[in-house]
Amino acid sequence: MASAEQHYSPPRPTFDAPVKVLVVVAPYYKDIADNLLAGATAELEAAGASYEVVEVPGALEVPTAIGIAHRQSNFDGYVGLGCVIRGETTHYDTVCNDSSRGITMLGLSGACIGNGILTVENRKQAEVRADPKDQNKGGGAAAAALHLVALTRKFAKPPSGVGFKPAGTVLMAETTKGPTTA
């Protein structure tokens, strides 16, 4: 049975520039995935983020899809959604561990990912966790991605180059003489 305990979540971040998020969903358990997706998209919309949704066959494909997008596209963040329910074989352990490890490795390499892949013992646990009106783990995953995007932007390094500056940037030395732009 799921706990009714309340957990703290930091306030929703705000952004000065648009945020673009890719939501990768594995609809193996379609009704559960639909609820996770509803929670995630509601959170993204509340933050003013734009998003795109793509489907993959299962939880193991979620990190691969995010990795492809992270290398080849221009998304600020990613939300991985899916559900793995324990069955009669050890395949459950493989899917849980490998999908989580893949997402963690991508995050450590710089991708801002909210992990919304449920790993549960039974369908009832999944239903409670996926329900946007209950535990709303899809919304929580989207919030995690948004917080990581905000953190990335907060710690962003100023543009640098060798003897050149991007148009419209002000160099620190120029601020003492008054700002000039390129």
N, C-alpha and C. Protein backbone atom coordinates (compact mmCIF):
# COMPACT_ATOMS: atom_id res chain seq x y z
N MET A 1 0.84 -1.18 0.00
CA MET A 1 0.00 0.00 0.00
C MET A 1 0.88 1.24 0.00
N ALA A 2 0.49 2.24 -0.76
CA ALA A 2 1.27 3.47 -0.86
C ALA A 2 1.05 4.31 0.40
N SER A 3 2.08 5.02 0.78
CA SER A 3 2.03 5.86 1.97
C SER A 3 1.32 7.17 1.67
N ALA A 4 0.59 7.67 2.65
CA ALA A 4 -0.08 8.97 2.53
C ALA A 4 0.81 10.09 3.05
N GLU A 5 2.05 9.76 3.41
CA GLU A 5 2.98 10.75 3.93
C GLU A 5 3.23 11.84 2.91
N GLN A 6 3.31 13.07 3.37
CA GLN A 6 3.56 14.21 2.50
C GLN A 6 5.07 14.44 2.40
N HIS A 7 5.53 14.78 1.21
CA HIS A 7 6.94 15.03 0.96
C HIS A 7 7.11 16.47 0.50
N TYR A 8 8.24 17.06 0.84
CA TYR A 8 8.53 18.44 0.45
C TYR A 8 9.02 18.50 -0.99
N SER A 9 8.56 19.47 -1.72
CA SER A 9 9.07 19.78 -3.05
C SER A 9 9.42 21.26 -3.08
N PRO A 10 10.57 21.61 -3.61
CA PRO A 10 10.91 23.04 -3.71
C PRO A 10 9.92 23.76 -4.61
N PRO A 11 9.80 25.07 -4.46
CA PRO A 11 8.88 25.82 -5.32
C PRO A 11 9.25 25.66 -6.79
N ARG A 12 8.25 25.74 -7.65
CA ARG A 12 8.46 25.62 -9.09
C ARG A 12 9.42 26.71 -9.56
N PRO A 13 10.44 26.35 -10.32
CA PRO A 13 11.38 27.37 -10.80
C PRO A 13 10.71 28.27 -11.85
N THR A 14 11.26 29.46 -11.98
CA THR A 14 10.82 30.39 -13.02
C THR A 14 11.98 30.59 -13.99
N PHE A 15 11.66 30.98 -15.20
CA PHE A 15 12.67 31.08 -16.25
C PHE A 15 12.55 32.41 -16.99
N ASP A 16 13.72 32.99 -17.32
CA ASP A 16 13.77 34.22 -18.11
C ASP A 16 13.69 33.93 -19.60
N ALA A 17 14.11 32.74 -19.98
CA ALA A 17 14.12 32.34 -21.39
C ALA A 17 13.29 31.07 -21.53
N PRO A 18 12.76 30.81 -22.71
CA PRO A 18 11.92 29.62 -22.91
C PRO A 18 12.65 28.32 -22.56
N VAL A 19 11.88 27.36 -22.10
CA VAL A 19 12.38 26.03 -21.77
C VAL A 19 11.70 25.03 -22.69
N LYS A 20 12.51 24.15 -23.28
CA LYS A 20 12.01 23.13 -24.21
C LYS A 20 12.36 21.76 -23.64
N VAL A 21 11.35 20.92 -23.44
CA VAL A 21 11.53 19.62 -22.78
C VAL A 21 11.03 18.50 -23.69
N LEU A 22 11.78 17.41 -23.70
CA LEU A 22 11.34 16.20 -24.38
C LEU A 22 10.82 15.22 -23.33
N VAL A 23 9.61 14.74 -23.53
CA VAL A 23 9.02 13.73 -22.66
C VAL A 23 9.05 12.41 -23.42
N VAL A 24 9.76 11.44 -22.86
CA VAL A 24 9.85 10.11 -23.47
C VAL A 24 9.03 9.17 -22.61
N VAL A 25 8.01 8.57 -23.22
CA VAL A 25 7.10 7.72 -22.46
C VAL A 25 7.06 6.31 -23.06
N ALA A 26 7.11 5.33 -22.16
CA ALA A 26 6.99 3.92 -22.55
C ALA A 26 5.58 3.46 -22.14
N PRO A 27 4.66 3.36 -23.09
CA PRO A 27 3.27 3.05 -22.74
C PRO A 27 2.96 1.56 -22.66
N TYR A 28 3.87 0.78 -22.12
CA TYR A 28 3.66 -0.66 -21.99
C TYR A 28 2.38 -0.93 -21.20
N TYR A 29 2.19 -0.21 -20.11
CA TYR A 29 0.91 -0.20 -19.37
C TYR A 29 0.26 1.13 -19.69
N LYS A 30 -0.54 1.15 -20.74
CA LYS A 30 -1.03 2.39 -21.35
C LYS A 30 -1.77 3.30 -20.37
N ASP A 31 -2.66 2.75 -19.56
CA ASP A 31 -3.42 3.59 -18.64
C ASP A 31 -2.51 4.26 -17.61
N ILE A 32 -1.54 3.54 -17.13
CA ILE A 32 -0.60 4.10 -16.16
C ILE A 32 0.27 5.15 -16.84
N ALA A 33 0.76 4.86 -18.03
CA ALA A 33 1.58 5.82 -18.77
C ALA A 33 0.79 7.09 -19.09
N ASP A 34 -0.49 6.93 -19.43
CA ASP A 34 -1.33 8.10 -19.72
C ASP A 34 -1.45 9.00 -18.49
N ASN A 35 -1.60 8.41 -17.31
CA ASN A 35 -1.68 9.22 -16.09
C ASN A 35 -0.34 9.89 -15.78
N LEU A 36 0.76 9.17 -15.94
CA LEU A 36 2.07 9.78 -15.75
C LEU A 36 2.26 10.96 -16.70
N LEU A 37 1.87 10.77 -17.95
CA LEU A 37 2.00 11.81 -18.95
C LEU A 37 1.12 13.02 -18.62
N ALA A 38 -0.09 12.78 -18.14
CA ALA A 38 -0.98 13.88 -17.76
C ALA A 38 -0.36 14.72 -16.65
N GLY A 39 0.20 14.06 -15.65
CA GLY A 39 0.85 14.79 -14.57
C GLY A 39 2.07 15.57 -15.03
N ALA A 40 2.87 14.95 -15.90
CA ALA A 40 4.09 15.61 -16.39
C ALA A 40 3.75 16.82 -17.25
N THR A 41 2.82 16.67 -18.17
CA THR A 41 2.51 17.79 -19.06
C THR A 41 1.84 18.93 -18.31
N ALA A 42 1.04 18.62 -17.30
CA ALA A 42 0.42 19.68 -16.49
C ALA A 42 1.49 20.49 -15.78
N GLU A 43 2.51 19.81 -15.24
CA GLU A 43 3.60 20.52 -14.56
C GLU A 43 4.41 21.37 -15.54
N LEU A 44 4.70 20.83 -16.72
CA LEU A 44 5.45 21.59 -17.72
C LEU A 44 4.67 22.82 -18.17
N GLU A 45 3.37 22.65 -18.39
CA GLU A 45 2.54 23.78 -18.80
C GLU A 45 2.46 24.84 -17.71
N ALA A 46 2.36 24.42 -16.46
CA ALA A 46 2.30 25.36 -15.34
C ALA A 46 3.58 26.19 -15.23
N ALA A 47 4.70 25.60 -15.65
CA ALA A 47 5.99 26.31 -15.62
C ALA A 47 6.22 27.12 -16.90
N GLY A 48 5.32 27.01 -17.87
CA GLY A 48 5.47 27.74 -19.12
C GLY A 48 6.44 27.10 -20.10
N ALA A 49 6.77 25.84 -19.88
CA ALA A 49 7.70 25.14 -20.77
C ALA A 49 6.98 24.59 -21.98
N SER A 50 7.67 24.57 -23.11
CA SER A 50 7.14 23.86 -24.27
C SER A 50 7.69 22.43 -24.20
N TYR A 51 6.98 21.52 -24.84
CA TYR A 51 7.42 20.12 -24.76
C TYR A 51 6.98 19.35 -26.00
N GLU A 52 7.70 18.27 -26.20
CA GLU A 52 7.38 17.31 -27.25
C GLU A 52 7.31 15.95 -26.59
N VAL A 53 6.40 15.10 -27.03
CA VAL A 53 6.23 13.77 -26.47
C VAL A 53 6.57 12.73 -27.53
N VAL A 54 7.41 11.76 -27.17
CA VAL A 54 7.68 10.63 -28.04
C VAL A 54 7.46 9.35 -27.25
N GLU A 55 7.04 8.31 -27.95
CA GLU A 55 6.82 7.01 -27.33
C GLU A 55 7.92 6.03 -27.74
N VAL A 56 8.29 5.17 -26.80
CA VAL A 56 9.21 4.08 -27.06
C VAL A 56 8.57 2.80 -26.52
N PRO A 57 9.01 1.62 -26.97
CA PRO A 57 8.32 0.38 -26.59
C PRO A 57 8.31 0.07 -25.10
N GLY A 58 9.42 0.31 -24.41
CA GLY A 58 9.48 -0.07 -23.00
C GLY A 58 10.47 0.78 -22.23
N ALA A 59 10.56 0.52 -20.92
CA ALA A 59 11.41 1.32 -20.03
C ALA A 59 12.89 1.26 -20.41
N LEU A 60 13.35 0.15 -20.96
CA LEU A 60 14.75 0.05 -21.35
C LEU A 60 15.11 1.00 -22.49
N GLU A 61 14.14 1.36 -23.30
CA GLU A 61 14.40 2.25 -24.43
C GLU A 61 14.35 3.73 -24.05
N VAL A 62 13.83 4.06 -22.87
CA VAL A 62 13.72 5.45 -22.46
C VAL A 62 15.09 6.14 -22.41
N PRO A 63 16.10 5.59 -21.72
CA PRO A 63 17.39 6.29 -21.70
C PRO A 63 18.04 6.38 -23.08
N THR A 64 17.85 5.38 -23.90
CA THR A 64 18.43 5.43 -25.25
C THR A 64 17.82 6.58 -26.05
N ALA A 65 16.50 6.74 -25.98
CA ALA A 65 15.82 7.82 -26.70
C ALA A 65 16.28 9.18 -26.17
N ILE A 66 16.41 9.30 -24.87
CA ILE A 66 16.88 10.56 -24.29
C ILE A 66 18.32 10.83 -24.73
N GLY A 67 19.16 9.80 -24.74
CA GLY A 67 20.54 9.96 -25.18
C GLY A 67 20.64 10.43 -26.62
N ILE A 68 19.82 9.86 -27.48
CA ILE A 68 19.80 10.28 -28.90
C ILE A 68 19.42 11.75 -28.99
N ALA A 69 18.35 12.12 -28.31
CA ALA A 69 17.88 13.51 -28.36
C ALA A 69 18.91 14.47 -27.76
N HIS A 70 19.55 14.05 -26.68
CA HIS A 70 20.54 14.91 -26.02
C HIS A 70 21.73 15.18 -26.94
N ARG A 71 22.12 14.19 -27.72
CA ARG A 71 23.24 14.35 -28.64
C ARG A 71 22.84 15.10 -29.91
N GLN A 72 21.61 14.93 -30.37
CA GLN A 72 21.27 15.39 -31.71
C GLN A 72 20.23 16.50 -31.77
N SER A 73 19.76 16.98 -30.63
CA SER A 73 18.70 17.99 -30.66
C SER A 73 19.05 19.13 -29.72
N ASN A 74 18.08 19.98 -29.45
CA ASN A 74 18.33 21.17 -28.64
C ASN A 74 17.35 21.30 -27.47
N PHE A 75 17.03 20.18 -26.84
CA PHE A 75 16.14 20.23 -25.67
C PHE A 75 16.93 20.68 -24.45
N ASP A 76 16.25 21.43 -23.57
CA ASP A 76 16.87 21.86 -22.31
C ASP A 76 16.79 20.77 -21.26
N GLY A 77 15.73 19.96 -21.31
CA GLY A 77 15.54 18.93 -20.31
C GLY A 77 14.74 17.77 -20.86
N TYR A 78 14.65 16.72 -20.04
CA TYR A 78 14.02 15.48 -20.47
C TYR A 78 13.23 14.89 -19.31
N VAL A 79 12.12 14.24 -19.64
CA VAL A 79 11.33 13.52 -18.65
C VAL A 79 11.15 12.10 -19.18
N GLY A 80 11.56 11.12 -18.40
CA GLY A 80 11.37 9.72 -18.76
C GLY A 80 10.22 9.14 -17.96
N LEU A 81 9.25 8.55 -18.66
CA LEU A 81 8.06 8.00 -18.01
C LEU A 81 7.83 6.56 -18.44
N GLY A 82 7.42 5.75 -17.50
CA GLY A 82 7.09 4.36 -17.77
C GLY A 82 6.78 3.64 -16.48
N CYS A 83 6.56 2.35 -16.59
CA CYS A 83 6.21 1.56 -15.42
C CYS A 83 6.72 0.14 -15.59
N VAL A 84 7.34 -0.36 -14.53
CA VAL A 84 7.80 -1.75 -14.50
C VAL A 84 7.15 -2.40 -13.29
N ILE A 85 6.34 -3.42 -13.53
CA ILE A 85 5.65 -4.13 -12.45
C ILE A 85 6.31 -5.50 -12.30
N ARG A 86 6.64 -5.84 -11.06
CA ARG A 86 7.31 -7.12 -10.79
C ARG A 86 6.49 -8.27 -11.35
N GLY A 87 7.18 -9.17 -12.01
CA GLY A 87 6.54 -10.38 -12.55
C GLY A 87 7.13 -11.61 -11.89
N GLU A 88 7.09 -12.71 -12.60
CA GLU A 88 7.55 -13.98 -12.05
C GLU A 88 9.02 -14.26 -12.29
N THR A 89 9.68 -13.43 -13.08
CA THR A 89 11.08 -13.70 -13.44
C THR A 89 11.99 -12.56 -12.98
N THR A 90 13.28 -12.74 -13.13
CA THR A 90 14.25 -11.71 -12.75
C THR A 90 14.35 -10.60 -13.80
N HIS A 91 13.60 -10.68 -14.88
CA HIS A 91 13.62 -9.63 -15.89
C HIS A 91 13.27 -8.28 -15.27
N TYR A 92 12.39 -8.27 -14.28
CA TYR A 92 12.02 -7.05 -13.56
C TYR A 92 13.26 -6.33 -13.04
N ASP A 93 14.15 -7.07 -12.39
CA ASP A 93 15.36 -6.47 -11.82
C ASP A 93 16.24 -5.87 -12.91
N THR A 94 16.38 -6.56 -14.01
CA THR A 94 17.19 -6.06 -15.12
C THR A 94 16.61 -4.76 -15.67
N VAL A 95 15.31 -4.74 -15.92
CA VAL A 95 14.69 -3.54 -16.50
C VAL A 95 14.77 -2.37 -15.53
N CYS A 96 14.48 -2.61 -14.26
CA CYS A 96 14.56 -1.53 -13.26
C CYS A 96 15.97 -0.98 -13.17
N ASN A 97 16.93 -1.87 -12.96
CA ASN A 97 18.31 -1.43 -12.76
C ASN A 97 18.90 -0.76 -13.99
N ASP A 98 18.69 -1.35 -15.16
CA ASP A 98 19.34 -0.83 -16.36
C ASP A 98 18.70 0.47 -16.85
N SER A 99 17.38 0.61 -16.72
CA SER A 99 16.76 1.87 -17.13
C SER A 99 17.19 2.99 -16.18
N SER A 100 17.23 2.70 -14.90
CA SER A 100 17.66 3.70 -13.92
C SER A 100 19.13 4.06 -14.12
N ARG A 101 19.97 3.07 -14.34
CA ARG A 101 21.40 3.32 -14.55
C ARG A 101 21.61 4.17 -15.81
N GLY A 102 20.88 3.85 -16.87
CA GLY A 102 21.00 4.63 -18.11
C GLY A 102 20.63 6.09 -17.90
N ILE A 103 19.55 6.32 -17.19
CA ILE A 103 19.12 7.70 -16.92
C ILE A 103 20.14 8.41 -16.03
N THR A 104 20.64 7.72 -15.02
CA THR A 104 21.65 8.31 -14.13
C THR A 104 22.90 8.68 -14.90
N MET A 105 23.38 7.81 -15.77
CA MET A 105 24.60 8.09 -16.54
C MET A 105 24.40 9.30 -17.45
N LEU A 106 23.24 9.41 -18.07
CA LEU A 106 22.97 10.57 -18.91
C LEU A 106 22.93 11.85 -18.08
N GLY A 107 22.33 11.76 -16.90
CA GLY A 107 22.29 12.92 -16.02
C GLY A 107 23.67 13.36 -15.59
N LEU A 108 24.52 12.40 -15.26
CA LEU A 108 25.88 12.73 -14.85
C LEU A 108 26.70 13.31 -16.00
N SER A 109 26.28 13.05 -17.23
CA SER A 109 26.99 13.61 -18.38
C SER A 109 26.39 14.95 -18.82
N GLY A 110 25.42 15.46 -18.06
CA GLY A 110 24.93 16.81 -18.33
C GLY A 110 23.48 16.93 -18.78
N ALA A 111 22.78 15.84 -18.99
CA ALA A 111 21.38 15.92 -19.39
C ALA A 111 20.52 16.19 -18.15
N CYS A 112 19.58 17.10 -18.25
CA CYS A 112 18.67 17.45 -17.14
C CYS A 112 17.45 16.55 -17.24
N ILE A 113 17.42 15.47 -16.47
CA ILE A 113 16.40 14.43 -16.60
C ILE A 113 15.62 14.25 -15.33
N GLY A 114 14.31 14.18 -15.47
CA GLY A 114 13.43 13.76 -14.39
C GLY A 114 13.04 12.31 -14.65
N ASN A 115 13.34 11.43 -13.70
CA ASN A 115 13.06 10.00 -13.86
C ASN A 115 11.68 9.67 -13.31
N GLY A 116 10.76 9.39 -14.20
CA GLY A 116 9.40 9.02 -13.82
C GLY A 116 9.08 7.59 -14.22
N ILE A 117 10.07 6.72 -14.17
CA ILE A 117 9.81 5.30 -14.45
C ILE A 117 9.49 4.63 -13.12
N LEU A 118 8.24 4.23 -12.98
CA LEU A 118 7.80 3.57 -11.75
C LEU A 118 8.35 2.15 -11.70
N THR A 119 8.81 1.74 -10.55
CA THR A 119 9.24 0.35 -10.33
C THR A 119 8.46 -0.14 -9.11
N VAL A 120 7.46 -0.99 -9.36
CA VAL A 120 6.51 -1.34 -8.31
C VAL A 120 6.30 -2.85 -8.23
N GLU A 121 5.69 -3.26 -7.13
CA GLU A 121 5.40 -4.67 -6.90
C GLU A 121 4.12 -5.13 -7.58
N ASN A 122 3.17 -4.20 -7.75
CA ASN A 122 1.86 -4.60 -8.30
C ASN A 122 1.17 -3.41 -8.97
N ARG A 123 0.12 -3.71 -9.68
CA ARG A 123 -0.62 -2.69 -10.44
C ARG A 123 -1.20 -1.62 -9.53
N LYS A 124 -1.73 -1.98 -8.39
CA LYS A 124 -2.33 -1.00 -7.48
C LYS A 124 -1.30 0.06 -7.08
N GLN A 125 -0.08 -0.35 -6.75
CA GLN A 125 0.97 0.62 -6.42
C GLN A 125 1.22 1.56 -7.60
N ALA A 126 1.24 1.01 -8.79
CA ALA A 126 1.46 1.83 -9.99
C ALA A 126 0.34 2.84 -10.18
N GLU A 127 -0.89 2.39 -10.01
CA GLU A 127 -2.04 3.28 -10.22
C GLU A 127 -2.01 4.46 -9.26
N VAL A 128 -1.70 4.21 -7.99
CA VAL A 128 -1.65 5.28 -7.00
C VAL A 128 -0.52 6.26 -7.33
N ARG A 129 0.63 5.76 -7.70
CA ARG A 129 1.79 6.61 -7.98
C ARG A 129 1.62 7.41 -9.27
N ALA A 130 0.93 6.85 -10.24
CA ALA A 130 0.75 7.53 -11.52
C ALA A 130 -0.37 8.56 -11.50
N ASP A 131 -1.33 8.39 -10.65
CA ASP A 131 -2.53 9.25 -10.61
C ASP A 131 -2.15 10.70 -10.32
N PRO A 132 -2.46 11.63 -11.24
CA PRO A 132 -2.14 13.04 -11.01
C PRO A 132 -2.82 13.61 -9.77
N LYS A 133 -3.91 13.01 -9.32
CA LYS A 133 -4.62 13.48 -8.13
C LYS A 133 -4.12 12.80 -6.86
N ASP A 134 -3.19 11.86 -7.00
CA ASP A 134 -2.67 11.15 -5.84
C ASP A 134 -1.17 11.45 -5.72
N GLN A 135 -0.30 10.50 -5.97
CA GLN A 135 1.14 10.75 -5.80
C GLN A 135 1.77 11.51 -6.96
N ASN A 136 1.16 11.51 -8.12
CA ASN A 136 1.58 12.32 -9.27
C ASN A 136 3.08 12.24 -9.56
N LYS A 137 3.57 11.03 -9.73
CA LYS A 137 5.00 10.84 -10.01
C LYS A 137 5.40 11.39 -11.37
N GLY A 138 4.48 11.48 -12.32
CA GLY A 138 4.78 12.10 -13.61
C GLY A 138 5.05 13.59 -13.44
N GLY A 139 4.20 14.25 -12.64
CA GLY A 139 4.42 15.67 -12.33
C GLY A 139 5.72 15.88 -11.58
N GLY A 140 6.03 14.96 -10.67
CA GLY A 140 7.28 15.06 -9.91
C GLY A 140 8.50 14.91 -10.80
N ALA A 141 8.42 14.03 -11.79
CA ALA A 141 9.54 13.86 -12.72
C ALA A 141 9.73 15.11 -13.57
N ALA A 142 8.63 15.71 -14.01
CA ALA A 142 8.73 16.95 -14.79
C ALA A 142 9.31 18.08 -13.93
N ALA A 143 8.87 18.15 -12.67
CA ALA A 143 9.40 19.17 -11.76
C ALA A 143 10.91 18.97 -11.56
N ALA A 144 11.34 17.72 -11.42
CA ALA A 144 12.77 17.44 -11.25
C ALA A 144 13.56 17.93 -12.47
N ALA A 145 13.07 17.64 -13.67
CA ALA A 145 13.75 18.09 -14.88
C ALA A 145 13.83 19.62 -14.92
N LEU A 146 12.74 20.29 -14.57
CA LEU A 146 12.72 21.76 -14.58
C LEU A 146 13.71 22.34 -13.56
N HIS A 147 13.79 21.73 -12.39
CA HIS A 147 14.74 22.20 -11.39
C HIS A 147 16.18 22.04 -11.87
N LEU A 148 16.46 20.95 -12.57
CA LEU A 148 17.81 20.74 -13.10
C LEU A 148 18.12 21.72 -14.23
N VAL A 149 17.13 22.03 -15.06
CA VAL A 149 17.33 23.05 -16.10
C VAL A 149 17.65 24.39 -15.45
N ALA A 150 16.88 24.75 -14.42
CA ALA A 150 17.12 26.02 -13.72
C ALA A 150 18.52 26.04 -13.10
N LEU A 151 18.94 24.94 -12.50
CA LEU A 151 20.27 24.85 -11.90
C LEU A 151 21.37 24.97 -12.96
N THR A 152 21.16 24.32 -14.09
CA THR A 152 22.12 24.41 -15.19
C THR A 152 22.26 25.85 -15.67
N ARG A 153 21.14 26.53 -15.80
CA ARG A 153 21.19 27.92 -16.25
C ARG A 153 21.83 28.81 -15.18
N LYS A 154 21.58 28.53 -13.93
CA LYS A 154 22.17 29.33 -12.85
C LYS A 154 23.70 29.23 -12.87
N PHE A 155 24.20 28.03 -13.12
CA PHE A 155 25.65 27.82 -13.10
C PHE A 155 26.30 27.92 -14.47
N ALA A 156 25.58 28.40 -15.47
CA ALA A 156 26.12 28.48 -16.83
C ALA A 156 27.35 29.38 -16.87
N LYS A 157 28.34 28.93 -17.61
CA LYS A 157 29.55 29.73 -17.79
C LYS A 157 29.30 30.79 -18.84
N PRO A 158 29.92 31.97 -18.68
CA PRO A 158 29.76 32.99 -19.72
C PRO A 158 30.41 32.52 -21.01
N PRO A 159 29.93 33.00 -22.15
CA PRO A 159 30.53 32.58 -23.41
C PRO A 159 31.99 32.99 -23.46
N SER A 160 32.81 32.14 -24.04
CA SER A 160 34.22 32.46 -24.17
C SER A 160 34.70 32.09 -25.55
N GLY A 161 35.80 32.64 -25.92
CA GLY A 161 36.38 32.34 -27.22
C GLY A 161 37.82 32.81 -27.25
N VAL A 162 38.47 32.60 -28.35
CA VAL A 162 39.87 33.01 -28.50
C VAL A 162 39.88 34.25 -29.38
N GLY A 163 39.87 35.42 -28.73
CA GLY A 163 39.97 36.67 -29.47
C GLY A 163 38.67 37.14 -30.10
N PHE A 164 37.59 36.41 -29.95
CA PHE A 164 36.33 36.81 -30.54
C PHE A 164 35.24 36.77 -29.47
N LYS A 165 34.21 37.53 -29.67
CA LYS A 165 33.07 37.47 -28.76
C LYS A 165 31.80 37.42 -29.61
N PRO A 166 30.79 36.70 -29.12
CA PRO A 166 29.53 36.64 -29.86
C PRO A 166 28.90 38.03 -29.95
N ALA A 167 28.22 38.30 -31.03
CA ALA A 167 27.56 39.58 -31.22
C ALA A 167 26.62 39.86 -30.05
N GLY A 168 26.66 41.10 -29.55
CA GLY A 168 25.76 41.51 -28.48
C GLY A 168 26.27 41.24 -27.08
N THR A 169 27.45 40.64 -26.92
CA THR A 169 27.97 40.37 -25.58
C THR A 169 28.85 41.52 -25.13
N VAL A 170 28.91 41.70 -23.81
CA VAL A 170 29.72 42.76 -23.22
C VAL A 170 30.87 42.09 -22.49
N LEU A 171 32.09 42.54 -22.76
CA LEU A 171 33.26 42.01 -22.07
C LEU A 171 33.40 42.70 -20.73
N MET A 172 33.93 41.98 -19.73
CA MET A 172 34.09 42.53 -18.39
C MET A 172 34.96 43.79 -18.40
N ALA A 173 36.02 43.82 -19.17
CA ALA A 173 36.90 44.99 -19.21
C ALA A 173 36.17 46.21 -19.76
N GLU A 174 35.21 45.98 -20.61
CA GLU A 174 34.47 47.09 -21.21
C GLU A 174 33.49 47.71 -20.25
N THR A 175 33.09 46.99 -19.21
CA THR A 175 32.10 47.53 -18.29
C THR A 175 32.66 48.68 -17.47
N THR A 176 33.97 48.74 -17.29
CA THR A 176 34.57 49.86 -16.55
C THR A 176 34.57 51.13 -17.38
N LYS A 177 34.58 51.01 -18.71
CA LYS A 177 34.55 52.18 -19.60
C LYS A 177 33.12 52.48 -20.01
N GLY A 178 32.20 51.65 -19.62
CA GLY A 178 30.83 51.76 -20.10
C GLY A 178 30.59 50.63 -21.06
N PRO A 179 29.46 50.00 -21.00
CA PRO A 179 29.22 48.82 -21.83
C PRO A 179 29.19 49.14 -23.32
N THR A 180 29.81 48.28 -24.07
CA THR A 180 29.73 48.33 -25.53
C THR A 180 29.35 46.95 -25.99
N THR A 181 28.69 46.87 -27.08
CA THR A 181 28.29 45.56 -27.62
C THR A 181 28.95 45.35 -28.95
N ALA A 182 29.11 44.11 -29.28
CA ALA A 182 29.74 43.74 -30.55
C ALA A 182 28.72 43.81 -31.65
